[in-house]
Amino acid sequence: MATTVCSVLGLLCGVLSLTFNVISIATPHWLWTRGQTNFDVGIFWHCDLDENYCGDMESLGRFINPRDIVWFRTVQAAFVIAVVGSLLGAIMSFLSHIKFFESSGTYKTLTIVNIMTMSVELVSLVLFGLDYTDMFGVDGHIVALNWSFHLAITSTCFTFLAVVFHAMEASRAADLIINMQKRLTVWSTPYTLFIDQDP
C-alpha cells in the first residue's frame, strides 16, 4: 500500500511541476521593468504596457542590454530543456503508475530524469535571478521579479518532491525484488530434514 502511495504522490508532483512550468513559460510575467518605457517580460513573451502590445522576443534589443542577449538566450534554452524534462518525467511517471513499464529500473530511470530536469531548471533560474538587474535595468529602469518566476521556483520544488517519492518507490521495489529472489531461492533448493553427522 505504501508503494502505491509513493507512486501516486510522485505522479501528482510530476504533473504539478509540468503545469507550473507550462504556465511560467507561456506568460510574460517573469519580471517587470518600469522607467522611460514600461514592460512586463517573460522568458519568451513580453508586453509593452505603453503601447498595449504583447508579443514574442523579436524586439529583445529594446529592453535588454545588448551584451546580455546571448546570456538571456542561454537561460531560454535551459528553461525549454527543463520544460521538456518535466513533460518526459510526467509521462514516464504516468506510464509507470499504470504498470505499463514493469522493469525493476523504471523508477530509478525516472528519478534520474527528474534530477536532471531539476538541475537544468535550477541553472536557468539562478542565471536569470543573478543577472536580471544587469540584463533589463537599462537606462535606469527599475526591475523586479514577478509571479511567473516564482511559479518556476515552485515547479522546481515539486520536481524535487517527485525525485524523493520516485526514489522511495525505487528503493521499495528493489527491496521487494530482493525478498522475492530469496524466497524463490529457498523454494528451488532441495530441502533436507537431516544433516550429515559424524558417527
N, C-alpha and C. Protein backbone atom coordinates (compact mmCIF):
# COMPACT_ATOMS: atom_id res chain seq x y z
N MET A 1 0.82 -1.20 0.00
CA MET A 1 0.00 0.00 0.00
C MET A 1 0.86 1.25 0.00
N ALA A 2 1.96 1.27 0.80
CA ALA A 2 2.83 2.44 0.86
C ALA A 2 3.50 2.68 -0.48
N THR A 3 3.78 1.58 -1.21
CA THR A 3 4.40 1.72 -2.51
C THR A 3 3.46 2.46 -3.46
N THR A 4 2.18 2.12 -3.44
CA THR A 4 1.20 2.79 -4.28
C THR A 4 1.07 4.26 -3.90
N VAL A 5 1.14 4.57 -2.63
CA VAL A 5 1.06 5.96 -2.18
C VAL A 5 2.23 6.77 -2.73
N CYS A 6 3.43 6.22 -2.66
CA CYS A 6 4.60 6.91 -3.21
C CYS A 6 4.46 7.13 -4.70
N SER A 7 3.93 6.13 -5.40
CA SER A 7 3.74 6.26 -6.85
C SER A 7 2.74 7.35 -7.18
N VAL A 8 1.64 7.39 -6.44
CA VAL A 8 0.61 8.42 -6.68
C VAL A 8 1.15 9.81 -6.37
N LEU A 9 1.85 9.95 -5.25
CA LEU A 9 2.40 11.25 -4.88
C LEU A 9 3.47 11.71 -5.87
N GLY A 10 4.30 10.77 -6.35
CA GLY A 10 5.29 11.12 -7.37
C GLY A 10 4.64 11.58 -8.65
N LEU A 11 3.57 10.89 -9.07
CA LEU A 11 2.84 11.29 -10.27
C LEU A 11 2.22 12.66 -10.09
N LEU A 12 1.60 12.90 -8.94
CA LEU A 12 0.97 14.19 -8.68
C LEU A 12 1.98 15.33 -8.70
N CYS A 13 3.13 15.12 -8.07
CA CYS A 13 4.18 16.15 -8.07
C CYS A 13 4.72 16.40 -9.47
N GLY A 14 4.87 15.34 -10.25
CA GLY A 14 5.33 15.50 -11.63
C GLY A 14 4.36 16.30 -12.48
N VAL A 15 3.06 16.03 -12.32
CA VAL A 15 2.05 16.75 -13.09
C VAL A 15 1.99 18.22 -12.67
N LEU A 16 2.09 18.48 -11.35
CA LEU A 16 2.09 19.86 -10.88
C LEU A 16 3.32 20.62 -11.37
N SER A 17 4.47 19.96 -11.37
CA SER A 17 5.69 20.58 -11.87
C SER A 17 5.54 20.95 -13.34
N LEU A 18 5.01 20.03 -14.14
CA LEU A 18 4.80 20.31 -15.57
C LEU A 18 3.81 21.46 -15.76
N THR A 19 2.72 21.45 -15.01
CA THR A 19 1.71 22.50 -15.14
C THR A 19 2.28 23.87 -14.83
N PHE A 20 3.01 23.98 -13.72
CA PHE A 20 3.59 25.27 -13.34
C PHE A 20 4.65 25.73 -14.35
N ASN A 21 5.42 24.79 -14.89
CA ASN A 21 6.41 25.15 -15.90
C ASN A 21 5.76 25.67 -17.17
N VAL A 22 4.68 25.02 -17.61
CA VAL A 22 3.98 25.45 -18.82
C VAL A 22 3.38 26.85 -18.62
N ILE A 23 2.77 27.08 -17.46
CA ILE A 23 2.22 28.42 -17.18
C ILE A 23 3.34 29.45 -17.16
N SER A 24 4.44 29.10 -16.54
CA SER A 24 5.56 30.03 -16.40
C SER A 24 6.16 30.40 -17.75
N ILE A 25 6.31 29.42 -18.62
CA ILE A 25 6.95 29.69 -19.91
C ILE A 25 6.00 30.43 -20.86
N ALA A 26 4.69 30.34 -20.62
CA ALA A 26 3.71 30.93 -21.53
C ALA A 26 3.28 32.33 -21.13
N THR A 27 3.76 32.84 -20.00
CA THR A 27 3.30 34.14 -19.52
C THR A 27 4.43 35.17 -19.55
N PRO A 28 4.10 36.45 -19.74
CA PRO A 28 5.14 37.50 -19.77
C PRO A 28 5.33 38.16 -18.41
N HIS A 29 5.44 37.36 -17.37
CA HIS A 29 5.48 37.95 -16.03
C HIS A 29 6.64 37.42 -15.19
N TRP A 30 7.80 37.20 -15.81
CA TRP A 30 8.97 36.83 -15.02
C TRP A 30 9.49 38.04 -14.26
N LEU A 31 9.42 39.21 -14.89
CA LEU A 31 9.78 40.44 -14.18
C LEU A 31 9.07 41.61 -14.85
N TRP A 32 9.03 42.73 -14.12
CA TRP A 32 8.52 43.95 -14.72
C TRP A 32 9.59 45.02 -14.67
N THR A 33 9.61 45.83 -15.73
CA THR A 33 10.57 46.94 -15.80
C THR A 33 9.77 48.23 -15.91
N ARG A 34 10.16 49.20 -15.12
CA ARG A 34 9.47 50.49 -15.12
C ARG A 34 10.50 51.60 -15.28
N GLY A 35 10.25 52.47 -16.24
CA GLY A 35 11.17 53.58 -16.49
C GLY A 35 10.64 54.42 -17.62
N GLN A 36 11.49 54.75 -18.59
CA GLN A 36 11.04 55.52 -19.75
C GLN A 36 10.01 54.74 -20.55
N THR A 37 10.20 53.44 -20.62
CA THR A 37 9.20 52.54 -21.20
C THR A 37 8.89 51.45 -20.18
N ASN A 38 7.67 50.98 -20.19
CA ASN A 38 7.22 50.01 -19.19
C ASN A 38 6.94 48.67 -19.86
N PHE A 39 7.60 47.63 -19.36
CA PHE A 39 7.47 46.29 -19.92
C PHE A 39 7.18 45.29 -18.82
N ASP A 40 6.40 44.26 -19.18
CA ASP A 40 6.37 43.01 -18.44
C ASP A 40 7.10 41.99 -19.30
N VAL A 41 8.09 41.33 -18.73
CA VAL A 41 8.96 40.45 -19.51
C VAL A 41 8.83 39.03 -19.01
N GLY A 42 8.64 38.11 -19.94
CA GLY A 42 8.67 36.69 -19.63
C GLY A 42 9.89 36.05 -20.26
N ILE A 43 9.93 34.74 -20.20
CA ILE A 43 11.08 34.05 -20.77
C ILE A 43 10.98 33.98 -22.30
N PHE A 44 9.75 34.03 -22.84
CA PHE A 44 9.55 34.05 -24.29
C PHE A 44 8.56 35.11 -24.75
N TRP A 45 7.90 35.79 -23.83
CA TRP A 45 6.92 36.81 -24.19
C TRP A 45 7.22 38.10 -23.44
N HIS A 46 6.85 39.22 -24.05
CA HIS A 46 6.94 40.49 -23.35
C HIS A 46 5.69 41.31 -23.68
N CYS A 47 5.35 42.21 -22.79
CA CYS A 47 4.22 43.11 -23.01
C CYS A 47 4.71 44.54 -22.85
N ASP A 48 4.50 45.35 -23.88
CA ASP A 48 4.78 46.78 -23.82
C ASP A 48 3.53 47.46 -23.28
N LEU A 49 3.58 47.90 -22.03
CA LEU A 49 2.40 48.45 -21.39
C LEU A 49 2.03 49.82 -21.94
N ASP A 50 3.01 50.54 -22.49
CA ASP A 50 2.72 51.86 -23.05
C ASP A 50 1.94 51.77 -24.35
N GLU A 51 2.23 50.74 -25.13
CA GLU A 51 1.57 50.58 -26.43
C GLU A 51 0.49 49.51 -26.42
N ASN A 52 0.22 48.91 -25.26
CA ASN A 52 -0.77 47.84 -25.13
C ASN A 52 -0.52 46.72 -26.15
N TYR A 53 0.75 46.28 -26.20
CA TYR A 53 1.14 45.26 -27.16
C TYR A 53 1.87 44.14 -26.44
N CYS A 54 1.49 42.91 -26.79
CA CYS A 54 2.21 41.74 -26.28
C CYS A 54 2.68 40.91 -27.47
N GLY A 55 3.91 40.45 -27.39
CA GLY A 55 4.45 39.64 -28.49
C GLY A 55 5.64 38.84 -28.02
N ASP A 56 6.29 38.20 -28.98
CA ASP A 56 7.46 37.41 -28.63
C ASP A 56 8.68 38.31 -28.55
N MET A 57 9.86 37.73 -28.53
CA MET A 57 11.07 38.48 -28.24
C MET A 57 11.77 39.02 -29.48
N GLU A 58 11.01 39.38 -30.51
CA GLU A 58 11.66 39.90 -31.71
C GLU A 58 12.30 41.26 -31.48
N SER A 59 11.81 42.00 -30.50
CA SER A 59 12.39 43.32 -30.19
C SER A 59 13.17 43.27 -28.88
N LEU A 60 13.90 42.19 -28.68
CA LEU A 60 14.62 41.98 -27.43
C LEU A 60 15.62 43.10 -27.16
N GLY A 61 16.19 43.65 -28.21
CA GLY A 61 17.20 44.70 -28.04
C GLY A 61 16.66 46.00 -27.48
N ARG A 62 15.34 46.16 -27.46
CA ARG A 62 14.75 47.41 -26.95
C ARG A 62 14.81 47.50 -25.44
N PHE A 63 14.79 46.37 -24.75
CA PHE A 63 14.68 46.44 -23.30
C PHE A 63 15.69 45.55 -22.57
N ILE A 64 16.74 45.15 -23.28
CA ILE A 64 17.79 44.36 -22.64
C ILE A 64 19.14 44.91 -23.09
N ASN A 65 20.11 44.83 -22.22
CA ASN A 65 21.46 45.24 -22.60
C ASN A 65 21.96 44.36 -23.74
N PRO A 66 22.48 44.95 -24.81
CA PRO A 66 22.93 44.13 -25.96
C PRO A 66 23.96 43.08 -25.58
N ARG A 67 24.82 43.37 -24.61
CA ARG A 67 25.85 42.40 -24.23
C ARG A 67 25.27 41.20 -23.50
N ASP A 68 24.00 41.30 -23.05
CA ASP A 68 23.39 40.21 -22.29
C ASP A 68 22.40 39.38 -23.11
N ILE A 69 22.28 39.66 -24.40
CA ILE A 69 21.32 38.92 -25.23
C ILE A 69 21.69 37.44 -25.29
N VAL A 70 22.98 37.14 -25.49
CA VAL A 70 23.40 35.73 -25.54
C VAL A 70 23.15 35.05 -24.20
N TRP A 71 23.41 35.77 -23.11
CA TRP A 71 23.15 35.25 -21.76
C TRP A 71 21.67 34.90 -21.60
N PHE A 72 20.80 35.79 -22.06
CA PHE A 72 19.36 35.56 -21.95
C PHE A 72 18.93 34.39 -22.82
N ARG A 73 19.50 34.25 -24.02
CA ARG A 73 19.18 33.11 -24.88
C ARG A 73 19.59 31.80 -24.23
N THR A 74 20.69 31.82 -23.47
CA THR A 74 21.12 30.63 -22.74
C THR A 74 20.09 30.25 -21.68
N VAL A 75 19.57 31.25 -20.97
CA VAL A 75 18.52 31.00 -19.98
C VAL A 75 17.28 30.41 -20.65
N GLN A 76 16.91 30.97 -21.80
CA GLN A 76 15.75 30.45 -22.54
C GLN A 76 15.94 28.98 -22.91
N ALA A 77 17.11 28.66 -23.47
CA ALA A 77 17.37 27.28 -23.90
C ALA A 77 17.34 26.33 -22.71
N ALA A 78 17.94 26.73 -21.59
CA ALA A 78 17.96 25.87 -20.41
C ALA A 78 16.55 25.65 -19.88
N PHE A 79 15.72 26.69 -19.91
CA PHE A 79 14.36 26.52 -19.38
C PHE A 79 13.50 25.65 -20.30
N VAL A 80 13.72 25.76 -21.62
CA VAL A 80 13.00 24.88 -22.54
C VAL A 80 13.36 23.42 -22.27
N ILE A 81 14.65 23.15 -22.05
CA ILE A 81 15.08 21.79 -21.71
C ILE A 81 14.41 21.32 -20.43
N ALA A 82 14.28 22.22 -19.43
CA ALA A 82 13.62 21.86 -18.17
C ALA A 82 12.14 21.54 -18.39
N VAL A 83 11.47 22.30 -19.25
CA VAL A 83 10.06 22.02 -19.52
C VAL A 83 9.90 20.68 -20.24
N VAL A 84 10.78 20.40 -21.20
CA VAL A 84 10.73 19.11 -21.88
C VAL A 84 11.01 17.97 -20.89
N GLY A 85 11.96 18.20 -19.98
CA GLY A 85 12.24 17.20 -18.94
C GLY A 85 11.04 16.97 -18.03
N SER A 86 10.32 18.05 -17.69
CA SER A 86 9.11 17.91 -16.87
C SER A 86 8.05 17.10 -17.60
N LEU A 87 7.90 17.36 -18.90
CA LEU A 87 6.93 16.61 -19.70
C LEU A 87 7.31 15.13 -19.75
N LEU A 88 8.58 14.85 -20.01
CA LEU A 88 9.05 13.47 -20.06
C LEU A 88 8.86 12.77 -18.71
N GLY A 89 9.19 13.48 -17.62
CA GLY A 89 9.03 12.91 -16.29
C GLY A 89 7.58 12.60 -15.97
N ALA A 90 6.66 13.52 -16.35
CA ALA A 90 5.24 13.29 -16.07
C ALA A 90 4.71 12.10 -16.87
N ILE A 91 5.12 11.99 -18.14
CA ILE A 91 4.67 10.87 -18.97
C ILE A 91 5.20 9.55 -18.42
N MET A 92 6.49 9.51 -18.09
CA MET A 92 7.08 8.28 -17.55
C MET A 92 6.44 7.90 -16.22
N SER A 93 6.15 8.90 -15.40
CA SER A 93 5.52 8.63 -14.11
C SER A 93 4.12 8.04 -14.29
N PHE A 94 3.37 8.58 -15.25
CA PHE A 94 2.03 8.06 -15.52
C PHE A 94 2.10 6.63 -16.03
N LEU A 95 3.01 6.38 -16.99
CA LEU A 95 3.13 5.03 -17.53
C LEU A 95 3.61 4.03 -16.48
N SER A 96 4.48 4.47 -15.59
CA SER A 96 4.93 3.58 -14.51
C SER A 96 3.80 3.31 -13.53
N HIS A 97 2.99 4.34 -13.27
CA HIS A 97 1.90 4.19 -12.31
C HIS A 97 0.85 3.20 -12.81
N ILE A 98 0.57 3.21 -14.12
CA ILE A 98 -0.42 2.28 -14.66
C ILE A 98 0.21 0.93 -15.02
N LYS A 99 1.47 0.73 -14.59
CA LYS A 99 2.19 -0.53 -14.78
C LYS A 99 2.45 -0.85 -16.25
N PHE A 100 2.57 0.20 -17.09
CA PHE A 100 2.95 -0.02 -18.48
C PHE A 100 4.38 -0.52 -18.56
N PHE A 101 5.23 0.05 -17.68
CA PHE A 101 6.60 -0.43 -17.55
C PHE A 101 6.66 -1.35 -16.34
N GLU A 102 7.16 -2.55 -16.51
CA GLU A 102 7.27 -3.49 -15.41
C GLU A 102 8.73 -3.78 -15.06
N SER A 103 9.64 -2.96 -15.53
CA SER A 103 11.05 -3.17 -15.26
C SER A 103 11.39 -2.71 -13.85
N SER A 104 12.37 -3.38 -13.25
CA SER A 104 12.78 -3.02 -11.89
C SER A 104 13.49 -1.67 -11.86
N GLY A 105 14.05 -1.24 -12.99
CA GLY A 105 14.79 0.02 -13.01
C GLY A 105 13.98 1.21 -13.48
N THR A 106 12.66 1.05 -13.63
CA THR A 106 11.83 2.14 -14.15
C THR A 106 11.87 3.35 -13.25
N TYR A 107 11.69 3.14 -11.94
CA TYR A 107 11.66 4.28 -11.03
C TYR A 107 13.05 4.86 -10.83
N LYS A 108 14.09 4.05 -10.99
CA LYS A 108 15.44 4.60 -10.95
C LYS A 108 15.67 5.53 -12.14
N THR A 109 15.24 5.10 -13.32
CA THR A 109 15.36 5.94 -14.51
C THR A 109 14.56 7.22 -14.35
N LEU A 110 13.36 7.09 -13.81
CA LEU A 110 12.50 8.25 -13.59
C LEU A 110 13.14 9.22 -12.60
N THR A 111 13.77 8.69 -11.58
CA THR A 111 14.47 9.54 -10.60
C THR A 111 15.61 10.30 -11.27
N ILE A 112 16.36 9.63 -12.13
CA ILE A 112 17.47 10.28 -12.83
C ILE A 112 16.95 11.38 -13.75
N VAL A 113 15.85 11.11 -14.48
CA VAL A 113 15.26 12.13 -15.36
C VAL A 113 14.83 13.34 -14.55
N ASN A 114 14.21 13.11 -13.40
CA ASN A 114 13.76 14.23 -12.57
C ASN A 114 14.93 15.02 -11.98
N ILE A 115 16.00 14.32 -11.61
CA ILE A 115 17.18 15.03 -11.08
C ILE A 115 17.80 15.89 -12.16
N MET A 116 17.90 15.37 -13.38
CA MET A 116 18.47 16.17 -14.47
C MET A 116 17.58 17.36 -14.79
N THR A 117 16.27 17.16 -14.80
CA THR A 117 15.33 18.26 -15.05
C THR A 117 15.46 19.33 -13.99
N MET A 118 15.50 18.90 -12.74
CA MET A 118 15.62 19.86 -11.63
C MET A 118 16.94 20.63 -11.72
N SER A 119 18.01 19.96 -12.09
CA SER A 119 19.32 20.62 -12.19
C SER A 119 19.33 21.68 -13.27
N VAL A 120 18.79 21.34 -14.45
CA VAL A 120 18.76 22.30 -15.56
C VAL A 120 17.87 23.48 -15.22
N GLU A 121 16.73 23.20 -14.59
CA GLU A 121 15.83 24.30 -14.22
C GLU A 121 16.47 25.20 -13.17
N LEU A 122 17.15 24.61 -12.21
CA LEU A 122 17.86 25.42 -11.21
C LEU A 122 18.91 26.31 -11.86
N VAL A 123 19.64 25.77 -12.84
CA VAL A 123 20.65 26.57 -13.53
C VAL A 123 20.00 27.76 -14.23
N SER A 124 18.89 27.51 -14.93
CA SER A 124 18.23 28.61 -15.65
C SER A 124 17.70 29.67 -14.68
N LEU A 125 17.13 29.24 -13.56
CA LEU A 125 16.59 30.20 -12.59
C LEU A 125 17.70 30.99 -11.89
N VAL A 126 18.79 30.30 -11.57
CA VAL A 126 19.90 31.00 -10.92
C VAL A 126 20.55 32.01 -11.88
N LEU A 127 20.74 31.60 -13.14
CA LEU A 127 21.33 32.52 -14.11
C LEU A 127 20.45 33.75 -14.30
N PHE A 128 19.15 33.53 -14.39
CA PHE A 128 18.23 34.66 -14.55
C PHE A 128 18.17 35.51 -13.29
N GLY A 129 18.06 34.85 -12.14
CA GLY A 129 17.92 35.58 -10.88
C GLY A 129 19.14 36.40 -10.51
N LEU A 130 20.33 35.93 -10.87
CA LEU A 130 21.54 36.66 -10.53
C LEU A 130 21.81 37.83 -11.46
N ASP A 131 21.30 37.78 -12.70
CA ASP A 131 21.69 38.77 -13.69
C ASP A 131 20.54 39.60 -14.24
N TYR A 132 19.33 39.46 -13.68
CA TYR A 132 18.19 40.16 -14.29
C TYR A 132 18.31 41.68 -14.17
N THR A 133 18.92 42.17 -13.10
CA THR A 133 19.05 43.63 -12.98
C THR A 133 20.01 44.18 -14.03
N ASP A 134 21.10 43.47 -14.32
CA ASP A 134 22.03 43.92 -15.36
C ASP A 134 21.43 43.75 -16.75
N MET A 135 20.67 42.66 -16.95
CA MET A 135 20.10 42.40 -18.26
C MET A 135 19.03 43.42 -18.64
N PHE A 136 18.14 43.73 -17.69
CA PHE A 136 16.97 44.53 -18.03
C PHE A 136 16.96 45.91 -17.37
N GLY A 137 17.94 46.20 -16.54
CA GLY A 137 17.96 47.51 -15.89
C GLY A 137 18.63 48.57 -16.75
N VAL A 138 18.18 48.70 -17.99
CA VAL A 138 18.79 49.67 -18.92
C VAL A 138 18.21 51.06 -18.68
N ASP A 139 19.04 52.08 -18.88
CA ASP A 139 18.62 53.49 -18.77
C ASP A 139 17.93 53.79 -17.45
N GLY A 140 18.44 53.20 -16.37
CA GLY A 140 17.88 53.49 -15.05
C GLY A 140 16.54 52.87 -14.78
N HIS A 141 16.14 51.87 -15.56
CA HIS A 141 14.86 51.19 -15.32
C HIS A 141 14.88 50.49 -13.96
N ILE A 142 13.75 50.52 -13.29
CA ILE A 142 13.56 49.74 -12.06
C ILE A 142 13.01 48.38 -12.47
N VAL A 143 13.64 47.32 -12.02
CA VAL A 143 13.21 45.97 -12.37
C VAL A 143 12.94 45.17 -11.10
N ALA A 144 11.99 44.27 -11.20
CA ALA A 144 11.67 43.40 -10.06
C ALA A 144 11.12 42.09 -10.59
N LEU A 145 11.42 41.01 -9.88
CA LEU A 145 10.91 39.69 -10.26
C LEU A 145 9.41 39.63 -10.04
N ASN A 146 8.73 38.89 -10.91
CA ASN A 146 7.28 38.82 -10.87
C ASN A 146 6.83 37.38 -10.61
N TRP A 147 5.53 37.13 -10.65
CA TRP A 147 4.97 35.88 -10.16
C TRP A 147 5.33 34.67 -11.02
N SER A 148 5.54 34.82 -12.32
CA SER A 148 5.88 33.67 -13.16
C SER A 148 7.24 33.09 -12.79
N PHE A 149 8.17 33.95 -12.39
CA PHE A 149 9.47 33.47 -11.93
C PHE A 149 9.31 32.64 -10.66
N HIS A 150 8.49 33.13 -9.75
CA HIS A 150 8.25 32.39 -8.51
C HIS A 150 7.49 31.08 -8.77
N LEU A 151 6.65 31.09 -9.80
CA LEU A 151 5.95 29.86 -10.18
C LEU A 151 6.95 28.81 -10.70
N ALA A 152 7.98 29.26 -11.42
CA ALA A 152 9.02 28.34 -11.88
C ALA A 152 9.80 27.77 -10.70
N ILE A 153 10.03 28.58 -9.68
CA ILE A 153 10.69 28.09 -8.46
C ILE A 153 9.82 27.03 -7.78
N THR A 154 8.51 27.28 -7.72
CA THR A 154 7.58 26.31 -7.14
C THR A 154 7.61 25.00 -7.93
N SER A 155 7.70 25.12 -9.25
CA SER A 155 7.79 23.92 -10.08
C SER A 155 9.03 23.11 -9.75
N THR A 156 10.15 23.80 -9.52
CA THR A 156 11.39 23.11 -9.15
C THR A 156 11.22 22.36 -7.83
N CYS A 157 10.50 22.97 -6.89
CA CYS A 157 10.25 22.31 -5.60
C CYS A 157 9.42 21.04 -5.79
N PHE A 158 8.41 21.10 -6.66
CA PHE A 158 7.60 19.91 -6.92
C PHE A 158 8.42 18.83 -7.64
N THR A 159 9.36 19.25 -8.49
CA THR A 159 10.24 18.27 -9.13
C THR A 159 11.11 17.58 -8.08
N PHE A 160 11.58 18.35 -7.11
CA PHE A 160 12.36 17.76 -6.02
C PHE A 160 11.53 16.74 -5.24
N LEU A 161 10.28 17.08 -4.94
CA LEU A 161 9.41 16.12 -4.24
C LEU A 161 9.18 14.87 -5.08
N ALA A 162 9.04 15.04 -6.40
CA ALA A 162 8.87 13.89 -7.28
C ALA A 162 10.11 13.00 -7.22
N VAL A 163 11.30 13.63 -7.17
CA VAL A 163 12.54 12.86 -7.04
C VAL A 163 12.51 12.02 -5.76
N VAL A 164 12.10 12.64 -4.67
CA VAL A 164 12.06 11.93 -3.38
C VAL A 164 11.10 10.75 -3.43
N PHE A 165 9.87 10.98 -3.93
CA PHE A 165 8.87 9.92 -3.95
C PHE A 165 9.26 8.79 -4.91
N HIS A 166 9.82 9.15 -6.06
CA HIS A 166 10.22 8.09 -7.00
C HIS A 166 11.44 7.33 -6.50
N ALA A 167 12.33 8.01 -5.78
CA ALA A 167 13.47 7.30 -5.18
C ALA A 167 12.98 6.33 -4.10
N MET A 168 12.00 6.75 -3.31
CA MET A 168 11.42 5.85 -2.31
C MET A 168 10.76 4.65 -2.98
N GLU A 169 10.07 4.92 -4.09
CA GLU A 169 9.41 3.84 -4.83
C GLU A 169 10.46 2.88 -5.40
N ALA A 170 11.55 3.42 -5.93
CA ALA A 170 12.62 2.57 -6.48
C ALA A 170 13.25 1.73 -5.38
N SER A 171 13.45 2.31 -4.20
CA SER A 171 14.04 1.57 -3.09
C SER A 171 13.12 0.44 -2.63
N ARG A 172 11.84 0.73 -2.52
CA ARG A 172 10.90 -0.30 -2.08
C ARG A 172 10.75 -1.40 -3.13
N ALA A 173 10.76 -1.00 -4.40
CA ALA A 173 10.68 -2.00 -5.46
C ALA A 173 11.91 -2.91 -5.43
N ALA A 174 13.08 -2.32 -5.18
CA ALA A 174 14.31 -3.13 -5.11
C ALA A 174 14.25 -4.08 -3.92
N ASP A 175 13.77 -3.61 -2.77
CA ASP A 175 13.63 -4.48 -1.60
C ASP A 175 12.66 -5.63 -1.88
N LEU A 176 11.57 -5.31 -2.57
CA LEU A 176 10.58 -6.34 -2.89
C LEU A 176 11.18 -7.40 -3.81
N ILE A 177 11.95 -6.97 -4.80
CA ILE A 177 12.57 -7.92 -5.72
C ILE A 177 13.59 -8.79 -5.00
N ILE A 178 14.38 -8.20 -4.10
CA ILE A 178 15.37 -8.98 -3.34
C ILE A 178 14.67 -10.02 -2.47
N ASN A 179 13.57 -9.63 -1.81
CA ASN A 179 12.82 -10.57 -0.98
C ASN A 179 12.24 -11.71 -1.82
N MET A 180 11.72 -11.39 -3.01
CA MET A 180 11.16 -12.43 -3.87
C MET A 180 12.26 -13.37 -4.36
N GLN A 181 13.44 -12.82 -4.67
CA GLN A 181 14.54 -13.68 -5.10
C GLN A 181 14.96 -14.63 -3.99
N LYS A 182 14.99 -14.14 -2.75
CA LYS A 182 15.34 -15.01 -1.63
C LYS A 182 14.32 -16.13 -1.45
N ARG A 183 13.04 -15.78 -1.58
CA ARG A 183 12.01 -16.79 -1.43
C ARG A 183 12.08 -17.83 -2.53
N LEU A 184 12.30 -17.36 -3.77
CA LEU A 184 12.42 -18.30 -4.88
C LEU A 184 13.64 -19.20 -4.71
N THR A 185 14.72 -18.67 -4.18
CA THR A 185 15.92 -19.46 -3.95
C THR A 185 15.66 -20.54 -2.91
N VAL A 186 14.96 -20.18 -1.84
CA VAL A 186 14.63 -21.16 -0.80
C VAL A 186 13.72 -22.24 -1.35
N TRP A 187 12.73 -21.85 -2.14
CA TRP A 187 11.79 -22.83 -2.68
C TRP A 187 12.44 -23.73 -3.72
N SER A 188 13.43 -23.24 -4.43
CA SER A 188 14.02 -24.04 -5.51
C SER A 188 15.16 -24.94 -5.06
N THR A 189 15.71 -24.72 -3.85
CA THR A 189 16.80 -25.57 -3.38
C THR A 189 16.22 -26.80 -2.68
N PRO A 190 16.89 -27.96 -2.83
CA PRO A 190 16.37 -29.17 -2.15
C PRO A 190 16.46 -28.99 -0.64
N TYR A 191 15.39 -29.39 0.04
CA TYR A 191 15.34 -29.26 1.49
C TYR A 191 15.61 -30.62 2.12
N THR A 192 16.55 -30.67 3.02
CA THR A 192 16.85 -31.94 3.72
C THR A 192 16.52 -31.79 5.19
N LEU A 193 15.83 -32.79 5.68
CA LEU A 193 15.44 -32.75 7.08
C LEU A 193 16.60 -33.12 7.99
N PHE A 194 17.43 -34.05 7.52
CA PHE A 194 18.55 -34.49 8.34
C PHE A 194 19.84 -33.99 7.72
N ILE A 195 20.76 -33.65 8.55
CA ILE A 195 22.07 -33.26 8.07
C ILE A 195 23.06 -34.38 8.38
N ASP A 196 24.10 -34.42 7.56
CA ASP A 196 25.10 -35.47 7.78
C ASP A 196 25.82 -35.22 9.09
N GLN A 197 25.91 -36.28 9.85
CA GLN A 197 26.61 -36.19 11.13
C GLN A 197 27.73 -37.24 11.16
N ASP A 198 28.77 -36.93 11.87
CA ASP A 198 29.84 -37.90 12.02
C ASP A 198 29.37 -39.01 12.95
N PRO A 199 29.73 -40.27 12.66
CA PRO A 199 29.30 -41.39 13.52
C PRO A 199 30.00 -41.33 14.88
